[in-house]
Amino acid sequence: MVTDPIADFIVQLKNAGAVGKASVGIPYSNVTFAVAQLLKREGYVDEVSKRGKRGKKTIEVALRYDDDEPRITNVRRVSKPSRRVYWGVRDIRPVRQGHGLVVLSTPKGVASGADARKSGVGGEVLFELW
């Protein structure tokens, strides 16, 4: 049993990219699926699809590579089960001078830092990646 499915998801993406895998399968949950769709929309992964039936659903994520280098090179989990971190709209800053992505769980759903700032909402900071 995984106690932190979001951390497990992002670390699996980073590790799969480091060894050159084409895709990775992870257990399904609504939050991880929303995060995977956000990563696709932002250009960090190629494809996201649901697989399986009721009890054994998985998310299949096809990784993206630029010049044989993985698009996701590093990740940092900000809000953890033991310590939740919340940012207001004024606290949201670019990651790595704009070369990274911060993902937040807002009242309007899972959003990138730029989208949350445009919408004028803050929320729980899930993770940063670059």
Protein backbone atom coordinates (compact mmCIF):
# COMPACT_ATOMS: atom_id res chain seq x y z
CA MET A 1 0.00 0.00 0.00
CA VAL A 2 1.34 3.36 -1.05
CA THR A 3 0.88 6.08 1.55
CA ASP A 4 1.64 8.97 -0.83
CA PRO A 5 0.39 8.19 -4.36
CA ILE A 6 1.39 11.58 -5.81
CA ALA A 7 5.00 11.24 -4.66
CA ASP A 8 5.07 7.67 -5.98
CA PHE A 9 3.71 8.88 -9.34
CA ILE A 10 6.22 11.69 -9.89
CA VAL A 11 9.20 9.61 -8.76
CA GLN A 12 8.16 6.80 -11.13
CA LEU A 13 8.05 9.31 -13.99
CA LYS A 14 11.50 10.67 -13.14
CA ASN A 15 13.07 7.22 -12.71
CA ALA A 16 11.49 5.82 -15.89
CA GLY A 17 12.84 8.77 -17.84
CA ALA A 18 16.30 8.31 -16.33
CA VAL A 19 16.53 4.72 -17.62
CA GLY A 20 14.94 5.52 -20.99
CA LYS A 21 11.57 3.77 -20.71
CA ALA A 22 8.90 4.68 -23.25
CA SER A 23 5.96 4.54 -20.81
CA VAL A 24 5.06 3.80 -17.22
CA GLY A 25 1.92 2.34 -15.62
CA ILE A 26 0.71 3.55 -12.24
CA PRO A 27 -2.34 2.77 -10.07
CA TYR A 28 -5.38 4.90 -10.90
CA SER A 29 -6.82 7.62 -8.70
CA ASN A 30 -8.73 10.75 -9.65
CA VAL A 31 -5.97 13.07 -8.39
CA THR A 32 -3.12 11.27 -10.14
CA PHE A 33 -5.13 11.16 -13.37
CA ALA A 34 -5.79 14.91 -13.13
CA VAL A 35 -2.07 15.53 -12.51
CA ALA A 36 -1.13 13.32 -15.48
CA GLN A 37 -3.52 15.24 -17.74
CA LEU A 38 -2.00 18.53 -16.53
CA LEU A 39 1.51 17.23 -17.32
CA LYS A 40 0.32 16.31 -20.81
CA ARG A 41 -1.23 19.74 -21.31
CA GLU A 42 2.01 21.42 -20.16
CA GLY A 43 4.15 19.24 -22.48
CA TYR A 44 6.00 17.08 -19.95
CA VAL A 45 4.49 13.76 -21.12
CA ASP A 46 3.19 12.60 -24.50
CA GLU A 47 0.09 10.48 -23.83
CA VAL A 48 -2.14 9.66 -20.85
CA SER A 49 -4.73 6.88 -20.89
CA LYS A 50 -6.79 4.80 -18.45
CA ARG A 51 -6.48 1.02 -18.62
CA GLY A 52 -8.18 -1.88 -16.90
CA LYS A 53 -11.48 -2.54 -15.19
CA ARG A 54 -13.09 -1.58 -11.89
CA GLY A 55 -10.71 -3.05 -9.31
CA LYS A 56 -7.45 -2.87 -11.28
CA LYS A 57 -7.46 0.47 -13.09
CA THR A 58 -4.10 1.89 -14.09
CA ILE A 59 -2.90 5.03 -15.82
CA GLU A 60 -0.55 4.51 -18.75
CA VAL A 61 1.75 7.53 -19.25
CA ALA A 62 3.97 7.82 -22.34
CA LEU A 63 7.10 9.81 -21.50
CA ARG A 64 8.43 12.68 -23.61
CA TYR A 65 12.08 13.01 -24.59
CA ASP A 66 13.86 16.00 -26.14
CA ASP A 67 17.07 15.01 -28.01
CA ASP A 68 17.19 11.67 -26.11
CA GLU A 69 17.01 13.53 -22.77
CA PRO A 70 13.91 13.04 -20.60
CA ARG A 71 11.68 16.10 -20.30
CA ILE A 72 11.32 15.45 -16.55
CA THR A 73 14.79 15.45 -15.00
CA ASN A 74 14.03 16.23 -11.38
CA VAL A 75 11.07 16.55 -9.02
CA ARG A 76 10.50 17.89 -5.52
CA ARG A 77 7.45 17.01 -3.41
CA VAL A 78 6.49 20.15 -1.50
CA SER A 79 3.33 19.25 0.41
CA LYS A 80 3.59 15.87 2.11
CA PRO A 81 1.10 13.83 4.13
CA SER A 82 2.92 14.84 7.31
CA ARG A 83 3.22 18.54 6.40
CA ARG A 84 0.78 20.34 4.13
CA VAL A 85 1.97 23.53 2.41
CA TYR A 86 -0.50 26.10 1.11
CA TRP A 87 0.28 29.13 -1.06
CA GLY A 88 -1.87 32.13 -1.74
CA VAL A 89 -1.99 33.58 -5.24
CA ARG A 90 0.76 36.09 -4.32
CA ASP A 91 3.12 33.32 -3.17
CA ILE A 92 3.17 31.53 -6.55
CA ARG A 93 6.50 32.13 -8.28
CA PRO A 94 8.13 30.62 -11.39
CA VAL A 95 10.20 27.46 -10.86
CA ARG A 96 13.80 27.53 -12.13
CA GLN A 97 13.36 30.96 -13.75
CA GLY A 98 10.36 29.71 -15.72
CA HIS A 99 11.94 26.43 -16.90
CA GLY A 100 9.97 24.31 -14.44
CA LEU A 101 6.43 23.73 -13.28
CA VAL A 102 4.67 23.98 -9.94
CA VAL A 103 1.45 21.97 -9.53
CA LEU A 104 -1.23 23.04 -7.08
CA SER A 105 -4.49 21.55 -5.88
CA THR A 106 -6.89 24.50 -5.94
CA PRO A 107 -10.63 24.88 -5.32
CA LYS A 108 -10.96 24.91 -9.13
CA GLY A 109 -9.09 21.59 -9.50
CA VAL A 110 -5.48 20.64 -10.15
CA ALA A 111 -3.67 23.53 -11.87
CA SER A 112 -0.20 24.71 -12.80
CA GLY A 113 1.20 27.75 -11.04
CA ALA A 114 0.63 29.99 -14.05
CA ASP A 115 -2.99 28.84 -14.45
CA ALA A 116 -3.70 29.30 -10.73
CA ARG A 117 -2.20 32.79 -10.83
CA LYS A 118 -4.35 33.72 -13.86
CA SER A 119 -7.45 32.39 -12.10
CA GLY A 120 -6.58 34.29 -8.93
CA VAL A 121 -6.61 31.24 -6.65
CA GLY A 122 -4.08 29.60 -4.38
CA GLY A 123 -4.07 26.16 -2.88
CA GLU A 124 -2.03 23.21 -1.69
CA VAL A 125 1.34 22.97 -3.43
CA LEU A 126 1.69 19.36 -4.58
CA PHE A 127 5.11 19.35 -6.24
CA GLU A 128 7.63 21.12 -8.44
CA LEU A 129 9.32 19.58 -11.47
CA TRP A 130 11.89 20.63 -14.02
